[in-house]
Amino acid sequence: MSIKIGIMGYGNLGRGIECAIKQNPDLELVAVFSRRDPKTVKILTEGVGVYHVDEVLNFKERIDVLVLCGGSATDLPTQTPEYAKYFNVVDSFDTHAKIPEHFENVDKTAKESGHIAVISSGWDPGMFSLNRLYASAVLPDGKDYTFWGKGVSQGHSDAIRRIDGVKDARQYTIPVDAALKAVRSGSNPELSTREKHERECFVVADDGADKAKIEQEIKTMPNYFADYNTTVHFITQEELDRDHKGIPHGGFVIRAGKTGWNRENSHIIEYSLKLDSNPEFTSSVIVAVARAAYRMHKEGMAGCKTMFDIAPSYLSALSPEELRANLL
């Protein structure tokens, strides 16, 4: 029997979820929900309907897991705790500094309703988080370093687009090469946020918009740009569509540690990603998490969870016997 999935929001991430479901035979797309007029939303899966968000509660008995594809800036802080009242849900909330607060808000409603809500699913937070956990557990005497990019950050791009006067935007996160080399050398450097990454923004402003005000608002935005060297370029929509239509990303998680009675041996653990499509890879992680959420709920679990709380085998479509035979 297939796990029935609903998609809330049909932008880049929602389309990626739809594609990922196609690659997982144990999952089935039941419905797509949008704030737009459903008649204007064309999806790829034949025979699956598109509905307005106001109709989602009509599907309480037909959806096993509702995947929330809104932005972290304004959508998910309200959507995830609200929909956790009625569904098992998965989101990709990626404002790291606000994850504890988001967890508490979601945990309350999920526990009250008896549902599972997995937040912050994706590659960072998500896969990178797991690798930081594994590496620090194995090498407790050491330091973690995370580098993102070069690539387009969906969350940061969305945050820019929410600024008054911005028509469209792409934001690139770029590792500082000197910092990356220092970490790989095993010297365990002390690096500030500003020393590790730069942020480069390409912005299409509305006609007559105050560009100086937009640039200032970007550069001073807490949790997104205020702690980084940030460059803002204003370009035309045509230039954005021509030169920045892809959504690549990637990055590195590095743990440098010591072992031995006198700390005489050094070790480097490195996990890296190089992604042609940030939203499609994020979506691929999310659908595996949706499978895990369904299984956890079937076992009677409830409340808010993160990828730290998911047994690895719950993510896989393979049986425990197949996992032991083929992957262990």
C-alpha atoms as a PDB file:
ATOM      1  CA  MET A   1       0.000   0.000   0.000  1.00  0.00           C
ATOM      2  CA  SER A   2       1.421   3.381  -1.002  1.00  0.00           C
ATOM      3  CA  ILE A   3       2.003   6.333   1.314  1.00  0.00           C
ATOM      4  CA  LYS A   4      -0.294   9.150   0.235  1.00  0.00           C
ATOM      5  CA  ILE A   5       1.367  12.555  -0.043  1.00  0.00           C
ATOM      6  CA  GLY A   6      -0.120  16.050  -0.354  1.00  0.00           C
ATOM      7  CA  ILE A   7       1.939  19.034  -1.507  1.00  0.00           C
ATOM      8  CA  MET A   8       1.231  22.456  -0.016  1.00  0.00           C
ATOM      9  CA  GLY A   9       2.687  25.068  -2.384  1.00  0.00           C
ATOM     10  CA  TYR A  10       3.772  24.529  -5.966  1.00  0.00           C
ATOM     11  CA  GLY A  11       6.900  26.566  -6.557  1.00  0.00           C
ATOM     12  CA  ASN A  12      10.404  25.202  -7.141  1.00  0.00           C
ATOM     13  CA  LEU A  13      10.276  22.986  -4.065  1.00  0.00           C
ATOM     14  CA  GLY A  14       6.763  21.728  -4.740  1.00  0.00           C
ATOM     15  CA  ARG A  15       7.691  20.758  -8.293  1.00  0.00           C
ATOM     16  CA  GLY A  16      10.759  18.992  -6.926  1.00  0.00           C
ATOM     17  CA  ILE A  17       8.597  17.014  -4.473  1.00  0.00           C
ATOM     18  CA  GLU A  18       6.369  15.921  -7.338  1.00  0.00           C
ATOM     19  CA  CYS A  19       9.382  14.683  -9.323  1.00  0.00           C
ATOM     20  CA  ALA A  20      10.818  12.878  -6.289  1.00  0.00           C
ATOM     21  CA  ILE A  21       7.535  11.076  -5.633  1.00  0.00           C
ATOM     22  CA  LYS A  22       7.710   9.695  -9.169  1.00  0.00           C
ATOM     23  CA  GLN A  23      11.039   8.036  -8.282  1.00  0.00           C
ATOM     24  CA  ASN A  24       9.651   6.369  -5.147  1.00  0.00           C
ATOM     25  CA  PRO A  25       7.103   3.657  -6.005  1.00  0.00           C
ATOM     26  CA  ASP A  26       5.909   3.373  -2.404  1.00  0.00           C
ATOM     27  CA  LEU A  27       4.743   7.007  -2.447  1.00  0.00           C
ATOM     28  CA  GLU A  28       1.654   8.404  -4.187  1.00  0.00           C
ATOM     29  CA  LEU A  29       0.772  12.037  -4.870  1.00  0.00           C
ATOM     30  CA  VAL A  30      -2.842  12.651  -3.855  1.00  0.00           C
ATOM     31  CA  ALA A  31      -3.269  16.421  -4.249  1.00  0.00           C
ATOM     32  CA  VAL A  32      -1.473  19.732  -4.721  1.00  0.00           C
ATOM     33  CA  PHE A  33      -2.647  22.842  -2.856  1.00  0.00           C
ATOM     34  CA  SER A  34      -1.883  26.400  -3.910  1.00  0.00           C
ATOM     35  CA  ARG A  35      -2.760  29.959  -2.932  1.00  0.00           C
ATOM     36  CA  ARG A  36      -3.095  30.681  -6.631  1.00  0.00           C
ATOM     37  CA  ASP A  37      -6.200  29.977  -8.692  1.00  0.00           C
ATOM     38  CA  PRO A  38      -6.018  26.169  -9.145  1.00  0.00           C
ATOM     39  CA  LYS A  39      -7.029  26.579 -12.792  1.00  0.00           C
ATOM     40  CA  THR A  40      -3.755  28.405 -13.442  1.00  0.00           C
ATOM     41  CA  VAL A  41      -1.506  25.740 -11.855  1.00  0.00           C
ATOM     42  CA  LYS A  42      -0.375  22.977 -14.209  1.00  0.00           C
ATOM     43  CA  ILE A  43       1.320  19.983 -12.615  1.00  0.00           C
ATOM     44  CA  LEU A  44       3.110  17.021 -14.205  1.00  0.00           C
ATOM     45  CA  THR A  45       1.245  14.083 -12.653  1.00  0.00           C
ATOM     46  CA  GLU A  46      -1.764  12.961 -14.652  1.00  0.00           C
ATOM     47  CA  GLY A  47      -4.979  12.380 -12.769  1.00  0.00           C
ATOM     48  CA  VAL A  48      -3.989  14.391  -9.682  1.00  0.00           C
ATOM     49  CA  GLY A  49      -5.991  17.491  -8.824  1.00  0.00           C
ATOM     50  CA  VAL A  50      -4.866  20.979  -7.849  1.00  0.00           C
ATOM     51  CA  TYR A  51      -6.912  22.668  -5.126  1.00  0.00           C
ATOM     52  CA  HIS A  52      -6.956  25.969  -3.312  1.00  0.00           C
ATOM     53  CA  VAL A  53      -5.323  25.944   0.122  1.00  0.00           C
ATOM     54  CA  ASP A  54      -8.735  26.554   1.692  1.00  0.00           C
ATOM     55  CA  GLU A  55      -9.776  23.047   0.606  1.00  0.00           C
ATOM     56  CA  VAL A  56      -6.955  21.159   2.320  1.00  0.00           C
ATOM     57  CA  LEU A  57      -8.987  20.108   5.374  1.00  0.00           C
ATOM     58  CA  ASN A  58     -11.296  18.171   3.067  1.00  0.00           C
ATOM     59  CA  PHE A  59      -8.366  15.774   2.590  1.00  0.00           C
ATOM     60  CA  LYS A  60      -7.703  14.925   6.241  1.00  0.00           C
ATOM     61  CA  GLU A  61      -8.631  11.273   5.712  1.00  0.00           C
ATOM     62  CA  ARG A  62      -6.944  10.946   2.317  1.00  0.00           C
ATOM     63  CA  ILE A  63      -3.421  12.256   3.017  1.00  0.00           C
ATOM     64  CA  ASP A  64      -0.852  10.399   5.120  1.00  0.00           C
ATOM     65  CA  VAL A  65       1.761  13.175   5.051  1.00  0.00           C
ATOM     66  CA  LEU A  66       1.359  16.807   3.974  1.00  0.00           C
ATOM     67  CA  VAL A  67       4.612  18.315   2.677  1.00  0.00           C
ATOM     68  CA  LEU A  68       4.822  22.063   3.314  1.00  0.00           C
ATOM     69  CA  CYS A  69       6.763  23.891   0.605  1.00  0.00           C
ATOM     70  CA  GLY A  70       6.472  27.492   1.804  1.00  0.00           C
ATOM     71  CA  GLY A  71       9.304  29.824   2.729  1.00  0.00           C
ATOM     72  CA  SER A  72      10.981  29.957   6.123  1.00  0.00           C
ATOM     73  CA  ALA A  73      10.699  33.725   6.465  1.00  0.00           C
ATOM     74  CA  THR A  74       6.914  34.056   6.768  1.00  0.00           C
ATOM     75  CA  ASP A  75       5.107  30.865   5.655  1.00  0.00           C
ATOM     76  CA  LEU A  76       6.385  27.948   7.724  1.00  0.00           C
ATOM     77  CA  PRO A  77       6.395  29.625  11.165  1.00  0.00           C
ATOM     78  CA  THR A  78       2.599  29.762  10.954  1.00  0.00           C
ATOM     79  CA  GLN A  79       1.793  26.955   8.503  1.00  0.00           C
ATOM     80  CA  THR A  80       3.641  24.085  10.190  1.00  0.00           C
ATOM     81  CA  PRO A  81       2.075  24.393  13.664  1.00  0.00           C
ATOM     82  CA  GLU A  82      -1.338  25.035  12.082  1.00  0.00           C
ATOM     83  CA  TYR A  83      -1.360  22.074   9.692  1.00  0.00           C
ATOM     84  CA  ALA A  84       0.163  19.768  12.324  1.00  0.00           C
ATOM     85  CA  LYS A  85      -3.249  19.978  13.998  1.00  0.00           C
ATOM     86  CA  TYR A  86      -4.763  18.013  11.109  1.00  0.00           C
ATOM     87  CA  PHE A  87      -1.981  16.111   9.317  1.00  0.00           C
ATOM     88  CA  ASN A  88       1.409  14.500   9.689  1.00  0.00           C
ATOM     89  CA  VAL A  89       3.607  17.197   8.170  1.00  0.00           C
ATOM     90  CA  VAL A  90       7.157  17.720   6.925  1.00  0.00           C
ATOM     91  CA  ASP A  91       8.774  21.109   6.327  1.00  0.00           C
ATOM     92  CA  SER A  92      12.170  22.463   5.290  1.00  0.00           C
ATOM     93  CA  PHE A  93      12.444  25.360   7.762  1.00  0.00           C
ATOM     94  CA  ASP A  94      16.015  26.573   7.345  1.00  0.00           C
ATOM     95  CA  THR A  95      16.482  29.644   9.559  1.00  0.00           C
ATOM     96  CA  HIS A  96      19.027  27.939  11.823  1.00  0.00           C
ATOM     97  CA  ALA A  97      18.850  30.493  14.645  1.00  0.00           C
ATOM     98  CA  LYS A  98      15.081  30.083  14.955  1.00  0.00           C
ATOM     99  CA  ILE A  99      14.857  26.288  14.797  1.00  0.00           C
ATOM    100  CA  PRO A 100      14.496  25.836  18.602  1.00  0.00           C
ATOM    101  CA  GLU A 101      11.612  28.324  18.674  1.00  0.00           C
ATOM    102  CA  HIS A 102       9.973  26.741  15.627  1.00  0.00           C
ATOM    103  CA  PHE A 103      10.364  23.287  17.176  1.00  0.00           C
ATOM    104  CA  GLU A 104       8.583  24.340  20.375  1.00  0.00           C
ATOM    105  CA  ASN A 105       5.674  25.900  18.489  1.00  0.00           C
ATOM    106  CA  VAL A 106       5.190  22.862  16.267  1.00  0.00           C
ATOM    107  CA  ASP A 107       5.721  20.304  19.028  1.00  0.00           C
ATOM    108  CA  LYS A 108       2.808  21.684  21.046  1.00  0.00           C
ATOM    109  CA  THR A 109       0.190  21.332  18.321  1.00  0.00           C
ATOM    110  CA  ALA A 110       1.558  18.034  16.970  1.00  0.00           C
ATOM    111  CA  LYS A 111       1.445  16.404  20.398  1.00  0.00           C
ATOM    112  CA  GLU A 112      -2.041  17.719  21.070  1.00  0.00           C
ATOM    113  CA  SER A 113      -3.319  16.296  17.780  1.00  0.00           C
ATOM    114  CA  GLY A 114      -1.326  13.055  17.895  1.00  0.00           C
ATOM    115  CA  HIS A 115       0.517  13.767  14.670  1.00  0.00           C
ATOM    116  CA  ILE A 116       4.167  13.616  13.638  1.00  0.00           C
ATOM    117  CA  ALA A 117       5.733  16.852  12.369  1.00  0.00           C
ATOM    118  CA  VAL A 118       9.292  16.689  11.048  1.00  0.00           C
ATOM    119  CA  ILE A 119      10.846  20.139  10.653  1.00  0.00           C
ATOM    120  CA  SER A 120      14.021  21.406   8.979  1.00  0.00           C
ATOM    121  CA  SER A 121      14.327  18.551   6.479  1.00  0.00           C
ATOM    122  CA  GLY A 122      16.703  18.943   3.572  1.00  0.00           C
ATOM    123  CA  TRP A 123      20.463  19.099   3.228  1.00  0.00           C
ATOM    124  CA  ASP A 124      21.253  21.959   5.609  1.00  0.00           C
ATOM    125  CA  PRO A 125      19.561  21.745   7.978  1.00  0.00           C
ATOM    126  CA  GLY A 126      19.198  18.016   7.382  1.00  0.00           C
ATOM    127  CA  MET A 127      21.910  15.887   5.790  1.00  0.00           C
ATOM    128  CA  PHE A 128      24.648  18.278   6.872  1.00  0.00           C
ATOM    129  CA  SER A 129      23.213  18.267  10.394  1.00  0.00           C
ATOM    130  CA  LEU A 130      23.445  14.477  10.543  1.00  0.00           C
ATOM    131  CA  ASN A 131      27.026  14.529   9.356  1.00  0.00           C
ATOM    132  CA  ARG A 132      27.949  17.111  11.975  1.00  0.00           C
ATOM    133  CA  LEU A 133      26.388  14.845  14.597  1.00  0.00           C
ATOM    134  CA  TYR A 134      28.098  11.663  13.379  1.00  0.00           C
ATOM    135  CA  ALA A 135      31.498  13.315  13.013  1.00  0.00           C
ATOM    136  CA  SER A 136      31.440  15.014  16.413  1.00  0.00           C
ATOM    137  CA  ALA A 137      30.350  11.758  18.078  1.00  0.00           C
ATOM    138  CA  VAL A 138      33.247   9.880  16.469  1.00  0.00           C
ATOM    139  CA  LEU A 139      35.831  12.641  17.024  1.00  0.00           C
ATOM    140  CA  PRO A 140      34.799  14.403  20.252  1.00  0.00           C
ATOM    141  CA  ASP A 141      38.173  16.151  20.431  1.00  0.00           C
ATOM    142  CA  GLY A 142      37.775  18.357  17.367  1.00  0.00           C
ATOM    143  CA  LYS A 143      35.997  21.186  15.598  1.00  0.00           C
ATOM    144  CA  ASP A 144      33.191  21.385  13.053  1.00  0.00           C
ATOM    145  CA  TYR A 145      33.256  23.584   9.983  1.00  0.00           C
ATOM    146  CA  THR A 146      30.437  24.014   7.488  1.00  0.00           C
ATOM    147  CA  PHE A 147      30.788  25.764   4.134  1.00  0.00           C
ATOM    148  CA  TRP A 148      27.906  26.386   1.738  1.00  0.00           C
ATOM    149  CA  GLY A 149      28.133  27.052  -1.972  1.00  0.00           C
ATOM    150  CA  LYS A 150      28.870  28.379  -4.348  1.00  0.00           C
ATOM    151  CA  GLY A 151      25.176  28.214  -4.955  1.00  0.00           C
ATOM    152  CA  VAL A 152      21.731  29.753  -4.868  1.00  0.00           C
ATOM    153  CA  SER A 153      20.057  29.800  -1.471  1.00  0.00           C
ATOM    154  CA  GLN A 154      16.289  29.440  -1.894  1.00  0.00           C
ATOM    155  CA  GLY A 155      15.531  30.733   1.588  1.00  0.00           C
ATOM    156  CA  HIS A 156      17.741  33.804   1.269  1.00  0.00           C
ATOM    157  CA  SER A 157      16.448  34.539  -2.230  1.00  0.00           C
ATOM    158  CA  ASP A 158      12.888  34.280  -0.916  1.00  0.00           C
ATOM    159  CA  ALA A 159      13.716  36.634   1.957  1.00  0.00           C
ATOM    160  CA  ILE A 160      14.953  39.257  -0.521  1.00  0.00           C
ATOM    161  CA  ARG A 161      11.835  38.871  -2.662  1.00  0.00           C
ATOM    162  CA  ARG A 162       9.699  39.686   0.392  1.00  0.00           C
ATOM    163  CA  ILE A 163      11.263  43.162   0.608  1.00  0.00           C
ATOM    164  CA  ASP A 164       9.011  45.974  -0.586  1.00  0.00           C
ATOM    165  CA  GLY A 165      10.063  47.079  -4.067  1.00  0.00           C
ATOM    166  CA  VAL A 166      11.740  43.792  -5.089  1.00  0.00           C
ATOM    167  CA  LYS A 167      10.308  42.039  -8.115  1.00  0.00           C
ATOM    168  CA  ASP A 168      12.686  39.064  -8.250  1.00  0.00           C
ATOM    169  CA  ALA A 169      16.050  38.016  -6.805  1.00  0.00           C
ATOM    170  CA  ARG A 170      18.739  35.351  -6.596  1.00  0.00           C
ATOM    171  CA  GLN A 171      21.254  35.099  -3.762  1.00  0.00           C
ATOM    172  CA  TYR A 172      24.536  33.191  -4.014  1.00  0.00           C
ATOM    173  CA  THR A 173      26.444  31.928  -0.992  1.00  0.00           C
ATOM    174  CA  ILE A 174      30.180  31.723  -1.700  1.00  0.00           C
ATOM    175  CA  PRO A 175      32.803  30.042   0.541  1.00  0.00           C
ATOM    176  CA  VAL A 176      35.955  32.061   1.169  1.00  0.00           C
ATOM    177  CA  ASP A 177      38.669  29.942  -0.434  1.00  0.00           C
ATOM    178  CA  ALA A 178      41.394  30.857   2.065  1.00  0.00           C
ATOM    179  CA  ALA A 179      39.197  29.730   4.956  1.00  0.00           C
ATOM    180  CA  LEU A 180      38.377  26.417   3.260  1.00  0.00           C
ATOM    181  CA  LYS A 181      42.075  25.701   2.656  1.00  0.00           C
ATOM    182  CA  ALA A 182      42.954  26.508   6.270  1.00  0.00           C
ATOM    183  CA  VAL A 183      40.343  24.070   7.581  1.00  0.00           C
ATOM    184  CA  ARG A 184      41.451  21.257   5.269  1.00  0.00           C
ATOM    185  CA  SER A 185      45.022  21.717   6.472  1.00  0.00           C
ATOM    186  CA  GLY A 186      43.972  20.530   9.923  1.00  0.00           C
ATOM    187  CA  SER A 187      45.120  23.716  11.643  1.00  0.00           C
ATOM    188  CA  ASN A 188      41.688  24.198  13.278  1.00  0.00           C
ATOM    189  CA  PRO A 189      41.491  27.944  12.650  1.00  0.00           C
ATOM    190  CA  GLU A 190      39.111  30.226  14.530  1.00  0.00           C
ATOM    191  CA  LEU A 191      36.869  31.701  11.847  1.00  0.00           C
ATOM    192  CA  SER A 192      34.105  34.266  12.178  1.00  0.00           C
ATOM    193  CA  THR A 193      30.920  34.009  10.149  1.00  0.00           C
ATOM    194  CA  ARG A 194      32.162  36.830   7.946  1.00  0.00           C
ATOM    195  CA  GLU A 195      35.498  35.108   7.327  1.00  0.00           C
ATOM    196  CA  LYS A 196      33.901  31.892   6.045  1.00  0.00           C
ATOM    197  CA  HIS A 197      31.356  33.095   3.485  1.00  0.00           C
ATOM    198  CA  GLU A 198      30.374  35.952   1.224  1.00  0.00           C
ATOM    199  CA  ARG A 199      26.875  36.643  -0.063  1.00  0.00           C
ATOM    200  CA  GLU A 200      26.172  37.997  -3.548  1.00  0.00           C
ATOM    201  CA  CYS A 201      22.677  39.185  -4.464  1.00  0.00           C
ATOM    202  CA  PHE A 202      21.192  39.848  -7.885  1.00  0.00           C
ATOM    203  CA  VAL A 203      18.011  41.888  -7.555  1.00  0.00           C
ATOM    204  CA  VAL A 204      15.317  43.022  -9.978  1.00  0.00           C
ATOM    205  CA  ALA A 205      13.645  46.111  -8.519  1.00  0.00           C
ATOM    206  CA  ASP A 206      10.171  47.364  -9.319  1.00  0.00           C
ATOM    207  CA  ASP A 207       9.982  50.453 -11.487  1.00  0.00           C
ATOM    208  CA  GLY A 208      10.540  53.511  -9.311  1.00  0.00           C
ATOM    209  CA  ALA A 209      11.662  51.490  -6.276  1.00  0.00           C
ATOM    210  CA  ASP A 210      14.210  53.000  -3.897  1.00  0.00           C
ATOM    211  CA  LYS A 211      17.251  50.849  -4.675  1.00  0.00           C
ATOM    212  CA  ALA A 212      19.390  52.346  -1.934  1.00  0.00           C
ATOM    213  CA  LYS A 213      16.705  51.474   0.623  1.00  0.00           C
ATOM    214  CA  ILE A 214      16.413  47.922  -0.743  1.00  0.00           C
ATOM    215  CA  GLU A 215      20.187  47.425  -0.587  1.00  0.00           C
ATOM    216  CA  GLN A 216      20.329  48.713   2.983  1.00  0.00           C
ATOM    217  CA  GLU A 217      17.458  46.442   4.022  1.00  0.00           C
ATOM    218  CA  ILE A 218      19.197  43.425   2.507  1.00  0.00           C
ATOM    219  CA  LYS A 219      22.581  44.114   4.093  1.00  0.00           C
ATOM    220  CA  THR A 220      21.132  44.674   7.569  1.00  0.00           C
ATOM    221  CA  MET A 221      18.655  41.761   7.567  1.00  0.00           C
ATOM    222  CA  PRO A 222      19.266  39.723  10.750  1.00  0.00           C
ATOM    223  CA  ASN A 223      19.860  35.964  10.427  1.00  0.00           C
ATOM    224  CA  TYR A 224      20.324  36.316   6.677  1.00  0.00           C
ATOM    225  CA  PHE A 225      22.841  39.004   5.653  1.00  0.00           C
ATOM    226  CA  ALA A 226      23.846  41.216   8.572  1.00  0.00           C
ATOM    227  CA  ASP A 227      26.810  39.034   9.596  1.00  0.00           C
ATOM    228  CA  TYR A 228      28.287  38.631   6.100  1.00  0.00           C
ATOM    229  CA  ASN A 229      30.127  40.671   3.507  1.00  0.00           C
ATOM    230  CA  THR A 230      27.222  41.138   1.110  1.00  0.00           C
ATOM    231  CA  THR A 231      27.268  42.546  -2.413  1.00  0.00           C
ATOM    232  CA  VAL A 232      24.052  43.655  -4.104  1.00  0.00           C
ATOM    233  CA  HIS A 233      23.709  43.976  -7.894  1.00  0.00           C
ATOM    234  CA  PHE A 234      20.596  45.463  -9.481  1.00  0.00           C
ATOM    235  CA  ILE A 235      19.857  43.895 -12.860  1.00  0.00           C
ATOM    236  CA  THR A 236      16.951  43.547 -15.278  1.00  0.00           C
ATOM    237  CA  GLN A 237      14.483  40.671 -15.304  1.00  0.00           C
ATOM    238  CA  GLU A 238      15.890  39.642 -18.682  1.00  0.00           C
ATOM    239  CA  GLU A 239      19.410  39.431 -17.232  1.00  0.00           C
ATOM    240  CA  LEU A 240      18.180  37.418 -14.255  1.00  0.00           C
ATOM    241  CA  ASP A 241      16.282  34.982 -16.483  1.00  0.00           C
ATOM    242  CA  ARG A 242      19.253  34.623 -18.835  1.00  0.00           C
ATOM    243  CA  ASP A 243      22.169  34.410 -16.404  1.00  0.00           C
ATOM    244  CA  HIS A 244      20.663  33.057 -13.185  1.00  0.00           C
ATOM    245  CA  LYS A 245      17.914  30.630 -14.205  1.00  0.00           C
ATOM    246  CA  GLY A 246      19.515  27.580 -12.576  1.00  0.00           C
ATOM    247  CA  ILE A 247      19.410  26.789  -8.871  1.00  0.00           C
ATOM    248  CA  PRO A 248      22.717  24.995  -8.172  1.00  0.00           C
ATOM    249  CA  HIS A 249      24.187  24.610  -4.712  1.00  0.00           C
ATOM    250  CA  GLY A 250      26.373  22.418  -2.538  1.00  0.00           C
ATOM    251  CA  GLY A 251      28.922  22.652   0.197  1.00  0.00           C
ATOM    252  CA  PHE A 252      31.109  20.884   2.715  1.00  0.00           C
ATOM    253  CA  VAL A 253      30.907  19.648   6.298  1.00  0.00           C
ATOM    254  CA  ILE A 254      34.375  19.140   7.749  1.00  0.00           C
ATOM    255  CA  ARG A 255      35.364  17.798  11.178  1.00  0.00           C
ATOM    256  CA  ALA A 256      39.011  18.086  12.191  1.00  0.00           C
ATOM    257  CA  GLY A 257      39.850  16.001  15.234  1.00  0.00           C
ATOM    258  CA  LYS A 258      42.574  14.386  17.314  1.00  0.00           C
ATOM    259  CA  THR A 259      42.955  10.890  18.794  1.00  0.00           C
ATOM    260  CA  GLY A 260      45.599   9.170  20.887  1.00  0.00           C
ATOM    261  CA  TRP A 261      46.666   9.437  24.513  1.00  0.00           C
ATOM    262  CA  ASN A 262      48.625  12.589  23.758  1.00  0.00           C
ATOM    263  CA  ARG A 263      46.445  13.729  20.826  1.00  0.00           C
ATOM    264  CA  GLU A 264      49.242  12.656  18.496  1.00  0.00           C
ATOM    265  CA  ASN A 265      47.095  11.678  15.502  1.00  0.00           C
ATOM    266  CA  SER A 266      44.998  14.011  13.364  1.00  0.00           C
ATOM    267  CA  HIS A 267      41.912  13.117  11.342  1.00  0.00           C
ATOM    268  CA  ILE A 268      39.719  14.935   8.828  1.00  0.00           C
ATOM    269  CA  ILE A 269      36.149  13.857   8.093  1.00  0.00           C
ATOM    270  CA  GLU A 270      34.656  15.602   5.049  1.00  0.00           C
ATOM    271  CA  TYR A 271      31.193  15.278   3.546  1.00  0.00           C
ATOM    272  CA  SER A 272      30.441  17.226   0.385  1.00  0.00           C
ATOM    273  CA  LEU A 273      27.562  17.881  -1.984  1.00  0.00           C
ATOM    274  CA  LYS A 274      27.569  19.275  -5.511  1.00  0.00           C
ATOM    275  CA  LEU A 275      24.006  19.870  -6.662  1.00  0.00           C
ATOM    276  CA  ASP A 276      22.683  20.825 -10.083  1.00  0.00           C
ATOM    277  CA  SER A 277      19.340  21.663  -8.494  1.00  0.00           C
ATOM    278  CA  ASN A 278      19.052  22.789  -4.885  1.00  0.00           C
ATOM    279  CA  PRO A 279      15.229  22.379  -4.712  1.00  0.00           C
ATOM    280  CA  GLU A 280      15.212  18.968  -6.395  1.00  0.00           C
ATOM    281  CA  PHE A 281      17.844  17.562  -4.034  1.00  0.00           C
ATOM    282  CA  THR A 282      16.102  19.121  -1.040  1.00  0.00           C
ATOM    283  CA  SER A 283      12.869  17.551  -2.277  1.00  0.00           C
ATOM    284  CA  SER A 284      14.542  14.158  -2.533  1.00  0.00           C
ATOM    285  CA  VAL A 285      15.527  14.375   1.134  1.00  0.00           C
ATOM    286  CA  ILE A 286      12.048  15.544   2.124  1.00  0.00           C
ATOM    287  CA  VAL A 287      10.203  12.633   0.501  1.00  0.00           C
ATOM    288  CA  ALA A 288      12.462  10.174   2.336  1.00  0.00           C
ATOM    289  CA  VAL A 289      11.614  12.040   5.546  1.00  0.00           C
ATOM    290  CA  ALA A 290       7.905  11.870   4.644  1.00  0.00           C
ATOM    291  CA  ARG A 291       8.247   8.080   4.469  1.00  0.00           C
ATOM    292  CA  ALA A 292       9.874   8.105   7.912  1.00  0.00           C
ATOM    293  CA  ALA A 293       7.155  10.383   9.325  1.00  0.00           C
ATOM    294  CA  TYR A 294       4.474   7.983   8.123  1.00  0.00           C
ATOM    295  CA  ARG A 295       6.239   5.008   9.702  1.00  0.00           C
ATOM    296  CA  MET A 296       6.804   6.822  12.998  1.00  0.00           C
ATOM    297  CA  HIS A 297       3.144   7.819  13.159  1.00  0.00           C
ATOM    298  CA  LYS A 298       2.052   4.247  12.426  1.00  0.00           C
ATOM    299  CA  GLU A 299       4.117   3.161  15.431  1.00  0.00           C
ATOM    300  CA  GLY A 300       2.234   5.596  17.657  1.00  0.00           C
ATOM    301  CA  MET A 301       4.776   8.404  17.906  1.00  0.00           C
ATOM    302  CA  ALA A 302       3.635  12.034  18.040  1.00  0.00           C
ATOM    303  CA  GLY A 303       5.113  15.503  18.326  1.00  0.00           C
ATOM    304  CA  CYS A 304       7.765  17.489  16.534  1.00  0.00           C
ATOM    305  CA  LYS A 305      10.867  15.688  15.299  1.00  0.00           C
ATOM    306  CA  THR A 306      14.021  16.507  13.370  1.00  0.00           C
ATOM    307  CA  MET A 307      16.275  14.268  11.315  1.00  0.00           C
ATOM    308  CA  PHE A 308      18.230  13.592  14.522  1.00  0.00           C
ATOM    309  CA  ASP A 309      15.207  11.666  15.799  1.00  0.00           C
ATOM    310  CA  ILE A 310      14.710   9.447  12.749  1.00  0.00           C
ATOM    311  CA  ALA A 311      16.237   5.960  12.672  1.00  0.00           C
ATOM    312  CA  PRO A 312      18.158   5.691   9.374  1.00  0.00           C
ATOM    313  CA  SER A 313      16.200   2.622   8.269  1.00  0.00           C
ATOM    314  CA  TYR A 314      12.934   4.614   8.432  1.00  0.00           C
ATOM    315  CA  LEU A 315      14.159   6.789   5.567  1.00  0.00           C
ATOM    316  CA  SER A 316      14.711   3.927   3.148  1.00  0.00           C
ATOM    317  CA  ALA A 317      12.182   2.122   0.975  1.00  0.00           C
ATOM    318  CA  LEU A 318      14.252  -1.050   1.452  1.00  0.00           C
ATOM    319  CA  SER A 319      13.292  -3.615   4.086  1.00  0.00           C
ATOM    320  CA  PRO A 320      15.546  -4.158   7.109  1.00  0.00           C
ATOM    321  CA  GLU A 321      16.627  -7.473   5.549  1.00  0.00           C
ATOM    322  CA  GLU A 322      17.582  -5.744   2.291  1.00  0.00           C
ATOM    323  CA  LEU A 323      19.457  -3.021   4.128  1.00  0.00           C
ATOM    324  CA  ARG A 324      21.510  -5.553   6.093  1.00  0.00           C
ATOM    325  CA  ALA A 325      22.271  -7.593   2.987  1.00  0.00           C
ATOM    326  CA  ASN A 326      23.138  -4.755   0.651  1.00  0.00           C
ATOM    327  CA  LEU A 327      24.284  -1.694   2.612  1.00  0.00           C
ATOM    328  CA  LEU A 328      25.686  -2.883   5.924  1.00  0.00           C
END
